[in-house]
């Protein structure tokens, strides 16, 4: 950990644990201590650590092509895109490297769509307090927590924040300049508020991701 603190930037507040290996939901550190992993790589390791079928699939792909940029086509990407479109509401997909990049792309897409298809004056994004959308400059602005924004001002203009789980507040925040609403279906960092509201069918559209206007 001392070497990690010396050579790694302190972008994240790390826990005093050095993971060595894992199996299923169990992680073992360098001292042999075993932990039940409830974090799962922040939902990345949804199949657990070292699932034999997943390991085999990764090994097979690594022996064929390790990486191909988006400047070219490749069969696994096309096949996965077809599967996702066939089994979802989407017409097309864009594969990103992280959640922050995905949210950044959604923000850009929302603004581009609003300007070209609705009204050039539409650019505002409504987001929720207590949210976390990423660490790029746009997504940290969309993030409704000052502790992540501190030191990066001036932040990008065009973001408004409302209380989470309050459809009425969202509706009141919508203006002729609104391009989209960016919400997490479940807040990972928002915690449990003392004030909870039932979301009616009328407002369910606000809890499904990015709503375009």
N, C-alpha and C. Protein backbone atom coordinates (compact mmCIF):
# COMPACT_ATOMS: atom_id res chain seq x y z
N UNK A 1 0.83 -1.20 0.00
CA UNK A 1 0.00 0.00 0.00
C UNK A 1 0.87 1.26 0.00
N UNK A 2 2.02 1.21 0.68
CA UNK A 2 2.90 2.37 0.69
C UNK A 2 3.41 2.67 -0.72
N UNK A 3 3.77 1.61 -1.47
CA UNK A 3 4.22 1.82 -2.83
C UNK A 3 3.08 2.32 -3.71
N UNK A 4 1.87 1.81 -3.45
CA UNK A 4 0.71 2.28 -4.19
C UNK A 4 0.48 3.76 -3.96
N UNK A 5 0.58 4.19 -2.70
CA UNK A 5 0.39 5.60 -2.38
C UNK A 5 1.49 6.46 -3.01
N UNK A 6 2.67 5.86 -3.19
CA UNK A 6 3.79 6.62 -3.76
C UNK A 6 3.64 6.78 -5.27
N UNK A 7 3.17 5.73 -5.95
CA UNK A 7 3.18 5.75 -7.40
C UNK A 7 1.81 5.97 -8.06
N UNK A 8 0.73 5.81 -7.30
CA UNK A 8 -0.61 5.99 -7.86
C UNK A 8 -1.18 7.34 -7.43
N UNK A 9 -1.80 8.04 -8.35
CA UNK A 9 -2.43 9.31 -8.00
C UNK A 9 -3.61 9.04 -7.06
N UNK A 10 -3.86 9.96 -6.17
CA UNK A 10 -4.91 9.79 -5.16
C UNK A 10 -6.26 10.26 -5.70
N UNK A 11 -6.59 9.79 -6.90
CA UNK A 11 -7.89 10.13 -7.51
C UNK A 11 -9.03 9.52 -6.70
N UNK A 12 -8.77 8.33 -6.16
CA UNK A 12 -9.77 7.62 -5.37
C UNK A 12 -9.28 7.45 -3.94
N UNK A 13 -10.21 7.47 -2.99
CA UNK A 13 -9.88 7.17 -1.59
C UNK A 13 -9.96 5.65 -1.43
N UNK A 14 -8.82 4.99 -1.47
CA UNK A 14 -8.78 3.53 -1.48
C UNK A 14 -8.88 2.96 -0.07
N UNK A 15 -9.53 1.81 0.03
CA UNK A 15 -9.59 1.09 1.29
C UNK A 15 -8.27 0.35 1.51
N UNK A 16 -7.87 0.12 2.77
CA UNK A 16 -6.60 -0.55 3.06
C UNK A 16 -6.67 -2.05 2.81
N UNK A 17 -6.82 -2.42 1.54
CA UNK A 17 -6.91 -3.82 1.15
C UNK A 17 -6.22 -4.01 -0.20
N UNK A 18 -5.32 -4.97 -0.27
CA UNK A 18 -4.62 -5.28 -1.52
C UNK A 18 -5.11 -6.64 -1.99
N UNK A 19 -5.98 -6.64 -2.98
CA UNK A 19 -6.55 -7.89 -3.48
C UNK A 19 -5.51 -8.68 -4.27
N UNK A 20 -5.55 -9.99 -4.12
CA UNK A 20 -4.62 -10.87 -4.83
C UNK A 20 -5.35 -11.80 -5.78
N UNK A 21 -6.42 -12.41 -5.33
CA UNK A 21 -7.16 -13.32 -6.19
C UNK A 21 -8.59 -13.43 -5.70
N UNK A 22 -9.45 -13.97 -6.55
CA UNK A 22 -10.85 -14.12 -6.17
C UNK A 22 -11.46 -15.35 -6.81
N UNK A 23 -12.55 -15.79 -6.22
CA UNK A 23 -13.30 -16.93 -6.74
C UNK A 23 -14.76 -16.73 -6.36
N UNK A 24 -15.60 -16.59 -7.36
CA UNK A 24 -17.01 -16.34 -7.08
C UNK A 24 -17.17 -15.01 -6.38
N UNK A 25 -17.79 -15.03 -5.21
CA UNK A 25 -18.03 -13.80 -4.45
C UNK A 25 -16.97 -13.59 -3.37
N UNK A 26 -15.90 -14.38 -3.38
CA UNK A 26 -14.86 -14.30 -2.36
C UNK A 26 -13.58 -13.69 -2.94
N UNK A 27 -12.98 -12.78 -2.17
CA UNK A 27 -11.71 -12.16 -2.55
C UNK A 27 -10.69 -12.44 -1.45
N UNK A 28 -9.46 -12.75 -1.85
CA UNK A 28 -8.37 -13.01 -0.91
C UNK A 28 -7.31 -11.94 -1.09
N UNK A 29 -6.85 -11.35 0.04
CA UNK A 29 -5.82 -10.31 -0.07
C UNK A 29 -4.44 -10.92 0.03
N UNK A 30 -3.40 -10.07 -0.04
CA UNK A 30 -2.02 -10.54 -0.06
C UNK A 30 -1.60 -11.19 1.25
N UNK A 31 -2.37 -10.95 2.32
CA UNK A 31 -2.07 -11.56 3.62
C UNK A 31 -2.88 -12.82 3.87
N UNK A 32 -3.66 -13.24 2.88
CA UNK A 32 -4.43 -14.45 3.02
C UNK A 32 -5.80 -14.26 3.65
N UNK A 33 -6.18 -13.04 3.97
CA UNK A 33 -7.50 -12.78 4.53
C UNK A 33 -8.57 -12.92 3.45
N UNK A 34 -9.70 -13.48 3.82
CA UNK A 34 -10.78 -13.70 2.87
C UNK A 34 -11.93 -12.72 3.13
N UNK A 35 -12.50 -12.21 2.05
CA UNK A 35 -13.59 -11.24 2.16
C UNK A 35 -14.73 -11.66 1.25
N UNK A 36 -15.95 -11.35 1.68
CA UNK A 36 -17.12 -11.53 0.85
C UNK A 36 -17.30 -10.24 0.05
N UNK A 37 -17.21 -10.34 -1.26
CA UNK A 37 -17.20 -9.16 -2.13
C UNK A 37 -18.62 -8.73 -2.48
N UNK A 38 -19.09 -7.68 -1.79
CA UNK A 38 -20.40 -7.13 -2.08
C UNK A 38 -20.33 -6.01 -3.13
N UNK A 39 -19.12 -5.59 -3.49
CA UNK A 39 -18.97 -4.48 -4.43
C UNK A 39 -18.97 -4.96 -5.88
N UNK A 40 -18.36 -6.11 -6.11
CA UNK A 40 -18.33 -6.72 -7.46
C UNK A 40 -17.77 -5.77 -8.51
N UNK A 41 -16.67 -5.11 -8.19
CA UNK A 41 -16.06 -4.21 -9.15
C UNK A 41 -16.97 -3.07 -9.55
N UNK A 42 -17.79 -2.61 -8.60
CA UNK A 42 -18.86 -1.64 -8.85
C UNK A 42 -19.74 -2.17 -9.99
N UNK A 43 -20.20 -3.39 -9.80
CA UNK A 43 -21.16 -4.06 -10.69
C UNK A 43 -20.52 -4.60 -11.97
N UNK A 44 -19.21 -4.52 -12.11
CA UNK A 44 -18.56 -5.07 -13.30
C UNK A 44 -18.49 -6.60 -13.23
N UNK A 45 -18.17 -7.12 -12.05
CA UNK A 45 -18.01 -8.56 -11.88
C UNK A 45 -19.34 -9.20 -11.48
N UNK A 46 -20.35 -9.01 -12.30
CA UNK A 46 -21.68 -9.51 -11.95
C UNK A 46 -21.75 -11.03 -11.95
N UNK A 47 -20.81 -11.68 -12.62
CA UNK A 47 -20.76 -13.15 -12.63
C UNK A 47 -19.79 -13.69 -11.58
N UNK A 48 -19.24 -12.81 -10.75
CA UNK A 48 -18.28 -13.23 -9.75
C UNK A 48 -16.87 -13.27 -10.33
N UNK A 49 -15.92 -13.58 -9.48
CA UNK A 49 -14.52 -13.63 -9.91
C UNK A 49 -14.18 -14.99 -10.51
N UNK A 50 -13.49 -14.94 -11.64
CA UNK A 50 -12.91 -16.14 -12.26
C UNK A 50 -13.95 -17.22 -12.59
N UNK A 51 -15.10 -16.82 -13.07
CA UNK A 51 -16.07 -17.80 -13.54
C UNK A 51 -15.44 -18.60 -14.68
N UNK A 52 -15.42 -19.93 -14.60
CA UNK A 52 -14.71 -20.75 -15.60
C UNK A 52 -15.15 -20.49 -17.03
N UNK A 53 -16.45 -20.32 -17.24
CA UNK A 53 -16.94 -20.09 -18.61
C UNK A 53 -16.52 -18.72 -19.13
N UNK A 54 -16.53 -17.73 -18.25
CA UNK A 54 -16.10 -16.39 -18.65
C UNK A 54 -14.61 -16.37 -18.93
N UNK A 55 -13.82 -17.01 -18.07
CA UNK A 55 -12.36 -17.08 -18.28
C UNK A 55 -12.05 -17.75 -19.61
N UNK A 56 -12.76 -18.83 -19.91
CA UNK A 56 -12.54 -19.56 -21.16
C UNK A 56 -12.88 -18.70 -22.37
N UNK A 57 -13.98 -17.95 -22.27
CA UNK A 57 -14.38 -17.08 -23.37
C UNK A 57 -13.36 -15.97 -23.61
N UNK A 58 -12.84 -15.40 -22.51
CA UNK A 58 -11.82 -14.34 -22.64
C UNK A 58 -10.54 -14.89 -23.24
N UNK A 59 -10.13 -16.08 -22.79
CA UNK A 59 -8.92 -16.70 -23.33
C UNK A 59 -9.06 -16.99 -24.82
N UNK A 60 -10.24 -17.47 -25.21
CA UNK A 60 -10.49 -17.79 -26.61
C UNK A 60 -10.41 -16.53 -27.47
N UNK A 61 -11.03 -15.45 -27.00
CA UNK A 61 -11.01 -14.22 -27.77
C UNK A 61 -9.61 -13.61 -27.83
N UNK A 62 -8.88 -13.67 -26.70
CA UNK A 62 -7.53 -13.11 -26.66
C UNK A 62 -6.58 -13.82 -27.62
N UNK A 63 -6.88 -15.09 -27.91
CA UNK A 63 -6.05 -15.85 -28.84
C UNK A 63 -6.38 -15.54 -30.30
N UNK A 64 -7.49 -14.81 -30.53
CA UNK A 64 -7.89 -14.46 -31.90
C UNK A 64 -7.62 -12.99 -32.20
N UNK A 65 -8.25 -12.10 -31.43
CA UNK A 65 -8.04 -10.66 -31.55
C UNK A 65 -8.13 -10.06 -30.16
N UNK A 66 -7.11 -9.32 -29.76
CA UNK A 66 -7.13 -8.73 -28.42
C UNK A 66 -7.89 -7.40 -28.40
N UNK A 67 -7.67 -6.60 -29.43
CA UNK A 67 -8.35 -5.30 -29.49
C UNK A 67 -8.40 -4.82 -30.93
N UNK A 68 -9.56 -4.29 -31.32
CA UNK A 68 -9.72 -3.65 -32.62
C UNK A 68 -10.43 -2.33 -32.37
N UNK A 69 -9.89 -1.25 -32.86
CA UNK A 69 -10.49 0.06 -32.61
C UNK A 69 -11.78 0.22 -33.40
N UNK A 70 -12.53 1.26 -33.07
CA UNK A 70 -13.78 1.54 -33.77
C UNK A 70 -13.58 2.10 -35.17
N UNK A 71 -12.34 2.16 -35.61
CA UNK A 71 -12.07 2.55 -36.99
C UNK A 71 -12.36 1.40 -37.95
N UNK A 72 -12.56 0.21 -37.38
CA UNK A 72 -12.80 -0.98 -38.19
C UNK A 72 -13.98 -1.77 -37.61
N UNK A 73 -14.52 -2.68 -38.39
CA UNK A 73 -15.56 -3.59 -37.92
C UNK A 73 -14.90 -4.84 -37.34
N UNK A 74 -15.62 -5.50 -36.43
CA UNK A 74 -15.20 -6.83 -36.00
C UNK A 74 -16.45 -7.63 -35.65
N UNK A 75 -16.40 -8.93 -35.84
CA UNK A 75 -17.58 -9.78 -35.73
C UNK A 75 -18.20 -9.80 -34.33
N UNK A 76 -17.42 -9.96 -33.24
CA UNK A 76 -18.04 -9.98 -31.91
C UNK A 76 -18.82 -8.71 -31.60
N UNK A 77 -18.30 -7.56 -32.02
CA UNK A 77 -18.99 -6.30 -31.76
C UNK A 77 -20.31 -6.23 -32.52
N UNK A 78 -20.29 -6.63 -33.78
CA UNK A 78 -21.51 -6.62 -34.59
C UNK A 78 -22.55 -7.59 -34.02
N UNK A 79 -22.10 -8.78 -33.62
CA UNK A 79 -23.02 -9.79 -33.08
C UNK A 79 -23.64 -9.32 -31.77
N UNK A 80 -22.85 -8.69 -30.89
CA UNK A 80 -23.38 -8.19 -29.63
C UNK A 80 -24.34 -7.03 -29.86
N UNK A 81 -24.00 -6.14 -30.80
CA UNK A 81 -24.88 -5.02 -31.11
C UNK A 81 -26.24 -5.53 -31.62
N UNK A 82 -26.20 -6.52 -32.48
CA UNK A 82 -27.45 -7.10 -33.00
C UNK A 82 -28.28 -7.71 -31.88
N UNK A 83 -27.61 -8.41 -30.96
CA UNK A 83 -28.32 -9.03 -29.83
C UNK A 83 -28.98 -7.98 -28.96
N UNK A 84 -28.26 -6.90 -28.65
CA UNK A 84 -28.80 -5.86 -27.79
C UNK A 84 -29.98 -5.14 -28.43
N UNK A 85 -29.87 -4.84 -29.72
CA UNK A 85 -30.96 -4.17 -30.42
C UNK A 85 -32.19 -5.07 -30.50
N UNK A 86 -31.95 -6.35 -30.76
CA UNK A 86 -33.06 -7.30 -30.88
C UNK A 86 -33.80 -7.48 -29.56
N UNK A 87 -33.08 -7.36 -28.46
CA UNK A 87 -33.67 -7.62 -27.14
C UNK A 87 -33.90 -6.35 -26.31
N UNK A 88 -33.96 -5.20 -26.96
CA UNK A 88 -34.18 -3.96 -26.21
C UNK A 88 -34.97 -2.97 -27.06
N UNK A 89 -35.11 -1.76 -26.53
CA UNK A 89 -35.81 -0.69 -27.24
C UNK A 89 -34.94 0.00 -28.27
N UNK A 90 -33.62 -0.26 -28.25
CA UNK A 90 -32.67 0.52 -29.03
C UNK A 90 -32.72 0.19 -30.52
N UNK A 91 -32.38 1.18 -31.32
CA UNK A 91 -32.22 0.98 -32.76
C UNK A 91 -30.77 0.70 -33.12
N UNK A 92 -29.86 1.35 -32.39
CA UNK A 92 -28.43 1.16 -32.58
C UNK A 92 -27.74 1.30 -31.22
N UNK A 93 -26.49 0.85 -31.13
CA UNK A 93 -25.75 0.95 -29.87
C UNK A 93 -24.38 1.56 -30.12
N UNK A 94 -23.82 2.12 -29.07
CA UNK A 94 -22.45 2.65 -29.10
C UNK A 94 -21.72 2.07 -27.90
N UNK A 95 -20.64 1.35 -28.13
CA UNK A 95 -19.89 0.72 -27.05
C UNK A 95 -18.86 1.70 -26.49
N UNK A 96 -18.89 1.86 -25.17
CA UNK A 96 -18.01 2.81 -24.48
C UNK A 96 -17.04 2.09 -23.56
N UNK A 97 -16.04 2.83 -23.10
CA UNK A 97 -15.02 2.26 -22.22
C UNK A 97 -15.39 2.35 -20.75
N UNK A 98 -16.37 3.19 -20.41
CA UNK A 98 -16.71 3.38 -19.00
C UNK A 98 -18.09 4.01 -18.90
N UNK A 99 -18.63 4.01 -17.69
CA UNK A 99 -19.90 4.67 -17.46
C UNK A 99 -19.81 6.17 -17.71
N UNK A 100 -18.68 6.77 -17.34
CA UNK A 100 -18.51 8.21 -17.56
C UNK A 100 -18.56 8.53 -19.04
N UNK A 101 -17.90 7.71 -19.86
CA UNK A 101 -17.92 7.94 -21.30
C UNK A 101 -19.32 7.74 -21.87
N UNK A 102 -20.04 6.75 -21.33
CA UNK A 102 -21.41 6.52 -21.79
C UNK A 102 -22.31 7.70 -21.45
N UNK A 103 -22.18 8.23 -20.23
CA UNK A 103 -22.98 9.40 -19.85
C UNK A 103 -22.58 10.64 -20.63
N UNK A 104 -21.28 10.78 -20.87
CA UNK A 104 -20.80 11.91 -21.68
C UNK A 104 -21.42 11.84 -23.08
N UNK A 105 -21.45 10.63 -23.65
CA UNK A 105 -22.04 10.45 -24.97
C UNK A 105 -23.54 10.75 -24.95
N UNK A 106 -24.22 10.35 -23.86
CA UNK A 106 -25.66 10.61 -23.75
C UNK A 106 -25.93 12.10 -23.66
N UNK A 107 -25.10 12.83 -22.92
CA UNK A 107 -25.26 14.28 -22.81
C UNK A 107 -25.05 14.95 -24.16
N UNK A 108 -24.01 14.54 -24.88
CA UNK A 108 -23.74 15.11 -26.20
C UNK A 108 -24.86 14.78 -27.18
N UNK A 109 -25.33 13.53 -27.13
CA UNK A 109 -26.41 13.12 -28.02
C UNK A 109 -27.68 13.90 -27.74
N UNK A 110 -27.98 14.11 -26.45
CA UNK A 110 -29.19 14.85 -26.08
C UNK A 110 -29.12 16.28 -26.59
N UNK A 111 -27.99 16.93 -26.41
CA UNK A 111 -27.86 18.31 -26.87
C UNK A 111 -27.88 18.41 -28.39
N UNK A 112 -27.22 17.48 -29.05
CA UNK A 112 -27.20 17.48 -30.51
C UNK A 112 -28.61 17.26 -31.07
N UNK A 113 -29.33 16.29 -30.48
CA UNK A 113 -30.70 16.01 -30.93
C UNK A 113 -31.61 17.21 -30.70
N UNK A 114 -31.49 17.83 -29.51
CA UNK A 114 -32.34 18.97 -29.19
C UNK A 114 -32.09 20.14 -30.14
N UNK A 115 -30.84 20.41 -30.43
CA UNK A 115 -30.51 21.54 -31.30
C UNK A 115 -30.94 21.30 -32.75
N UNK A 116 -30.77 20.05 -33.23
CA UNK A 116 -31.05 19.77 -34.63
C UNK A 116 -32.51 19.42 -34.89
N UNK A 117 -33.18 18.80 -33.91
CA UNK A 117 -34.53 18.30 -34.14
C UNK A 117 -35.61 19.10 -33.39
N UNK A 118 -35.23 19.85 -32.38
CA UNK A 118 -36.22 20.59 -31.60
C UNK A 118 -36.01 22.10 -31.74
N UNK A 119 -35.09 22.63 -30.93
CA UNK A 119 -34.88 24.08 -30.93
C UNK A 119 -33.41 24.33 -30.59
N UNK A 120 -32.71 25.16 -31.36
CA UNK A 120 -31.28 25.42 -31.09
C UNK A 120 -31.01 25.97 -29.70
N UNK A 121 -32.03 26.53 -29.02
CA UNK A 121 -31.83 27.10 -27.69
C UNK A 121 -31.87 26.04 -26.59
N UNK A 122 -32.24 24.82 -26.93
CA UNK A 122 -32.34 23.77 -25.92
C UNK A 122 -30.96 23.15 -25.67
N UNK A 123 -30.51 23.23 -24.43
CA UNK A 123 -29.21 22.67 -24.09
C UNK A 123 -29.14 22.19 -22.64
N UNK A 124 -30.10 22.55 -21.81
CA UNK A 124 -30.02 22.24 -20.39
C UNK A 124 -30.31 20.76 -20.10
N UNK A 125 -29.59 20.24 -19.12
CA UNK A 125 -29.77 18.87 -18.65
C UNK A 125 -30.22 18.94 -17.19
N UNK A 126 -31.32 18.30 -16.87
CA UNK A 126 -31.80 18.24 -15.49
C UNK A 126 -31.30 16.93 -14.87
N UNK A 127 -30.62 17.02 -13.73
CA UNK A 127 -30.11 15.85 -13.02
C UNK A 127 -30.55 15.93 -11.56
N UNK A 128 -30.24 14.90 -10.80
CA UNK A 128 -30.72 14.81 -9.42
C UNK A 128 -29.60 15.07 -8.41
N UNK A 129 -29.98 15.63 -7.28
CA UNK A 129 -29.06 15.79 -6.16
C UNK A 129 -28.68 14.41 -5.62
N UNK A 130 -27.43 14.27 -5.20
CA UNK A 130 -26.97 13.00 -4.66
C UNK A 130 -26.56 11.99 -5.71
N UNK A 131 -26.62 12.39 -6.99
CA UNK A 131 -26.29 11.47 -8.08
C UNK A 131 -24.78 11.36 -8.27
N UNK A 132 -24.39 10.36 -9.03
CA UNK A 132 -23.00 10.25 -9.47
C UNK A 132 -23.02 9.77 -10.92
N UNK A 133 -22.47 10.60 -11.82
CA UNK A 133 -22.52 10.27 -13.24
C UNK A 133 -21.15 10.13 -13.89
N UNK A 134 -20.07 10.34 -13.14
CA UNK A 134 -18.74 10.17 -13.73
C UNK A 134 -17.77 11.25 -13.31
N UNK A 135 -16.54 11.16 -13.85
CA UNK A 135 -15.48 12.06 -13.44
C UNK A 135 -14.94 12.93 -14.58
N UNK A 136 -15.55 12.87 -15.77
CA UNK A 136 -15.20 13.86 -16.79
C UNK A 136 -15.78 15.20 -16.37
N UNK A 137 -15.39 16.27 -17.05
CA UNK A 137 -15.86 17.59 -16.63
C UNK A 137 -17.37 17.72 -16.79
N UNK A 138 -17.92 17.15 -17.87
CA UNK A 138 -19.37 17.23 -18.07
C UNK A 138 -20.11 16.35 -17.06
N UNK A 139 -19.63 15.13 -16.84
CA UNK A 139 -20.35 14.23 -15.95
C UNK A 139 -20.18 14.61 -14.48
N UNK A 140 -19.06 15.23 -14.13
CA UNK A 140 -18.91 15.68 -12.76
C UNK A 140 -19.80 16.91 -12.51
N UNK A 141 -20.09 17.67 -13.56
CA UNK A 141 -21.05 18.76 -13.45
C UNK A 141 -22.46 18.20 -13.28
N UNK A 142 -22.76 17.14 -14.02
CA UNK A 142 -24.06 16.50 -13.90
C UNK A 142 -24.23 15.82 -12.54
N UNK A 143 -23.13 15.40 -11.95
CA UNK A 143 -23.17 14.76 -10.63
C UNK A 143 -23.64 15.76 -9.58
N UNK A 144 -24.65 15.38 -8.84
CA UNK A 144 -25.24 16.30 -7.87
C UNK A 144 -24.60 16.25 -6.51
N UNK A 145 -23.26 16.29 -6.46
CA UNK A 145 -22.54 16.26 -5.19
C UNK A 145 -21.36 17.22 -5.25
N UNK A 146 -21.35 18.21 -4.39
CA UNK A 146 -20.31 19.25 -4.41
C UNK A 146 -18.92 18.68 -4.11
N UNK A 147 -18.85 17.61 -3.34
CA UNK A 147 -17.53 17.07 -2.97
C UNK A 147 -16.76 16.58 -4.19
N UNK A 148 -17.46 16.15 -5.24
CA UNK A 148 -16.79 15.71 -6.46
C UNK A 148 -16.49 16.88 -7.39
N UNK A 149 -17.18 18.00 -7.21
CA UNK A 149 -17.02 19.15 -8.09
C UNK A 149 -15.97 20.13 -7.59
N UNK A 150 -15.63 20.01 -6.32
CA UNK A 150 -14.71 20.96 -5.69
C UNK A 150 -13.35 20.96 -6.40
N UNK A 151 -12.90 22.14 -6.77
CA UNK A 151 -11.60 22.30 -7.40
C UNK A 151 -11.63 22.28 -8.91
N UNK A 152 -12.79 22.00 -9.50
CA UNK A 152 -12.87 21.91 -10.96
C UNK A 152 -13.66 23.06 -11.59
N UNK A 153 -14.04 24.04 -10.78
CA UNK A 153 -14.79 25.16 -11.31
C UNK A 153 -13.87 26.06 -12.16
N UNK A 154 -14.46 26.78 -13.13
CA UNK A 154 -15.90 26.84 -13.40
C UNK A 154 -16.39 25.58 -14.10
N UNK A 155 -17.52 25.06 -13.61
CA UNK A 155 -18.11 23.88 -14.21
C UNK A 155 -18.85 24.26 -15.49
N UNK A 156 -19.23 23.26 -16.26
CA UNK A 156 -19.92 23.52 -17.52
C UNK A 156 -21.31 24.09 -17.27
N UNK A 157 -21.73 25.05 -18.04
CA UNK A 157 -23.08 25.59 -17.87
C UNK A 157 -24.13 24.64 -18.44
N UNK A 158 -25.38 24.84 -18.00
CA UNK A 158 -26.47 24.09 -18.60
C UNK A 158 -26.93 22.88 -17.83
N UNK A 159 -26.55 22.76 -16.55
CA UNK A 159 -27.00 21.64 -15.72
C UNK A 159 -27.79 22.17 -14.54
N UNK A 160 -28.94 21.56 -14.28
CA UNK A 160 -29.79 21.94 -13.15
C UNK A 160 -30.05 20.69 -12.31
N UNK A 161 -30.11 20.87 -10.99
CA UNK A 161 -30.29 19.73 -10.08
C UNK A 161 -31.57 19.90 -9.25
N UNK A 162 -32.25 18.78 -9.09
CA UNK A 162 -33.50 18.74 -8.32
C UNK A 162 -33.42 17.57 -7.34
N UNK A 163 -34.25 17.56 -6.29
CA UNK A 163 -34.25 16.43 -5.35
C UNK A 163 -34.60 15.12 -6.06
N UNK A 164 -33.93 14.05 -5.68
CA UNK A 164 -34.20 12.74 -6.28
C UNK A 164 -35.54 12.19 -5.79
N UNK A 165 -36.26 11.53 -6.67
CA UNK A 165 -37.53 10.93 -6.29
C UNK A 165 -38.65 11.93 -6.14
N UNK A 166 -38.51 13.10 -6.76
CA UNK A 166 -39.52 14.15 -6.65
C UNK A 166 -39.97 14.55 -8.05
N UNK A 167 -40.93 13.83 -8.62
CA UNK A 167 -41.37 14.12 -9.99
C UNK A 167 -41.89 15.54 -10.18
N UNK A 168 -42.55 16.08 -9.13
CA UNK A 168 -43.06 17.43 -9.24
C UNK A 168 -41.93 18.44 -9.41
N UNK A 169 -40.83 18.22 -8.68
CA UNK A 169 -39.68 19.13 -8.80
C UNK A 169 -39.08 19.06 -10.20
N UNK A 170 -39.06 17.86 -10.76
CA UNK A 170 -38.55 17.71 -12.12
C UNK A 170 -39.42 18.47 -13.11
N UNK A 171 -40.73 18.29 -12.98
CA UNK A 171 -41.65 18.97 -13.90
C UNK A 171 -41.53 20.48 -13.79
N UNK A 172 -41.35 20.99 -12.58
CA UNK A 172 -41.21 22.44 -12.39
C UNK A 172 -39.89 22.95 -12.98
N UNK A 173 -38.86 22.07 -13.01
CA UNK A 173 -37.55 22.49 -13.51
C UNK A 173 -37.48 22.52 -15.03
N UNK A 174 -38.42 21.85 -15.69
CA UNK A 174 -38.42 21.81 -17.15
C UNK A 174 -38.77 23.19 -17.70
N UNK A 175 -37.95 23.67 -18.63
CA UNK A 175 -38.15 24.97 -19.27
C UNK A 175 -38.01 24.78 -20.79
N UNK A 176 -38.27 25.83 -21.57
CA UNK A 176 -38.08 25.73 -23.02
C UNK A 176 -36.63 25.41 -23.41
N UNK A 177 -35.69 25.57 -22.45
CA UNK A 177 -34.28 25.28 -22.74
C UNK A 177 -33.89 23.84 -22.38
N UNK A 178 -34.83 23.06 -21.85
CA UNK A 178 -34.51 21.69 -21.41
C UNK A 178 -34.30 20.78 -22.60
N UNK A 179 -33.16 20.10 -22.61
CA UNK A 179 -32.85 19.14 -23.67
C UNK A 179 -33.09 17.70 -23.21
N UNK A 180 -32.82 17.42 -21.92
CA UNK A 180 -32.95 16.04 -21.45
C UNK A 180 -32.98 16.00 -19.92
N UNK A 181 -33.40 14.87 -19.39
CA UNK A 181 -33.37 14.59 -17.96
C UNK A 181 -32.49 13.38 -17.75
N UNK A 182 -31.49 13.50 -16.90
CA UNK A 182 -30.53 12.44 -16.66
C UNK A 182 -30.71 11.92 -15.24
N UNK A 183 -31.15 10.66 -15.10
CA UNK A 183 -31.42 10.08 -13.79
C UNK A 183 -30.92 8.66 -13.68
N UNK A 184 -30.50 8.28 -12.49
CA UNK A 184 -30.20 6.89 -12.18
C UNK A 184 -31.48 6.20 -11.70
N UNK A 185 -31.84 5.05 -12.24
CA UNK A 185 -33.01 4.33 -11.72
C UNK A 185 -32.88 4.07 -10.22
N UNK A 186 -31.67 3.74 -9.78
CA UNK A 186 -31.36 3.57 -8.36
C UNK A 186 -30.07 4.32 -8.08
N UNK A 187 -30.08 5.25 -7.15
CA UNK A 187 -28.87 6.00 -6.84
C UNK A 187 -27.89 5.14 -6.06
N UNK A 188 -26.67 5.05 -6.57
CA UNK A 188 -25.66 4.27 -5.88
C UNK A 188 -25.03 5.00 -4.71
N UNK A 189 -25.04 6.35 -4.75
CA UNK A 189 -24.39 7.12 -3.70
C UNK A 189 -25.35 8.04 -2.96
N UNK A 190 -26.61 8.04 -3.35
CA UNK A 190 -27.55 8.98 -2.76
C UNK A 190 -28.00 8.63 -1.37
N UNK A 191 -27.89 7.35 -0.99
CA UNK A 191 -28.34 6.93 0.33
C UNK A 191 -29.85 6.93 0.43
N UNK A 192 -30.35 6.75 1.63
CA UNK A 192 -31.78 6.72 1.86
C UNK A 192 -32.21 8.05 2.48
N UNK A 193 -33.02 8.79 1.75
CA UNK A 193 -33.48 10.07 2.24
C UNK A 193 -34.61 9.90 3.24
N UNK A 194 -34.79 10.91 4.08
CA UNK A 194 -35.87 10.87 5.07
C UNK A 194 -37.21 11.16 4.43
N UNK A 195 -37.16 11.70 3.20
CA UNK A 195 -38.38 12.07 2.51
C UNK A 195 -38.52 11.22 1.26
N UNK A 196 -39.50 10.31 1.25
CA UNK A 196 -39.70 9.43 0.11
C UNK A 196 -41.07 9.68 -0.50
N UNK A 197 -41.12 9.60 -1.81
CA UNK A 197 -42.38 9.82 -2.51
C UNK A 197 -42.64 8.68 -3.48
N UNK A 198 -43.91 8.33 -3.60
CA UNK A 198 -44.30 7.35 -4.59
C UNK A 198 -44.29 8.00 -5.97
N UNK A 199 -43.73 7.30 -6.93
CA UNK A 199 -43.68 7.84 -8.28
C UNK A 199 -44.87 7.28 -9.06
N UNK A 200 -45.73 8.14 -9.52
CA UNK A 200 -46.93 7.71 -10.22
C UNK A 200 -46.59 7.25 -11.62
N UNK A 201 -47.57 6.61 -12.25
CA UNK A 201 -47.37 6.14 -13.62
C UNK A 201 -47.05 7.30 -14.55
N UNK A 202 -47.65 8.44 -14.27
CA UNK A 202 -47.43 9.61 -15.10
C UNK A 202 -45.96 10.01 -15.13
N UNK A 203 -45.27 9.82 -14.01
CA UNK A 203 -43.89 10.28 -13.90
C UNK A 203 -42.88 9.16 -13.99
N UNK A 204 -43.30 7.95 -14.32
CA UNK A 204 -42.36 6.83 -14.39
C UNK A 204 -41.30 7.06 -15.47
N UNK A 205 -41.66 7.85 -16.49
CA UNK A 205 -40.71 8.10 -17.56
C UNK A 205 -39.47 8.82 -17.06
N UNK A 206 -39.56 9.49 -15.90
CA UNK A 206 -38.42 10.23 -15.37
C UNK A 206 -37.40 9.31 -14.69
N UNK A 207 -37.77 8.06 -14.43
CA UNK A 207 -36.90 7.18 -13.64
C UNK A 207 -36.26 6.10 -14.48
N UNK A 208 -36.22 6.28 -15.78
CA UNK A 208 -35.73 5.23 -16.66
C UNK A 208 -34.42 5.55 -17.35
N UNK A 209 -33.81 6.68 -17.06
CA UNK A 209 -32.54 7.01 -17.66
C UNK A 209 -32.54 8.43 -18.19
N UNK A 210 -32.27 8.60 -19.50
CA UNK A 210 -32.26 9.91 -20.09
C UNK A 210 -33.54 10.13 -20.87
N UNK A 211 -34.29 11.13 -20.51
CA UNK A 211 -35.52 11.45 -21.22
C UNK A 211 -35.26 12.65 -22.13
N UNK A 212 -35.56 12.53 -23.40
CA UNK A 212 -35.32 13.59 -24.36
C UNK A 212 -36.55 14.47 -24.50
N UNK A 213 -36.34 15.77 -24.69
CA UNK A 213 -37.42 16.71 -24.87
C UNK A 213 -37.31 17.40 -26.22
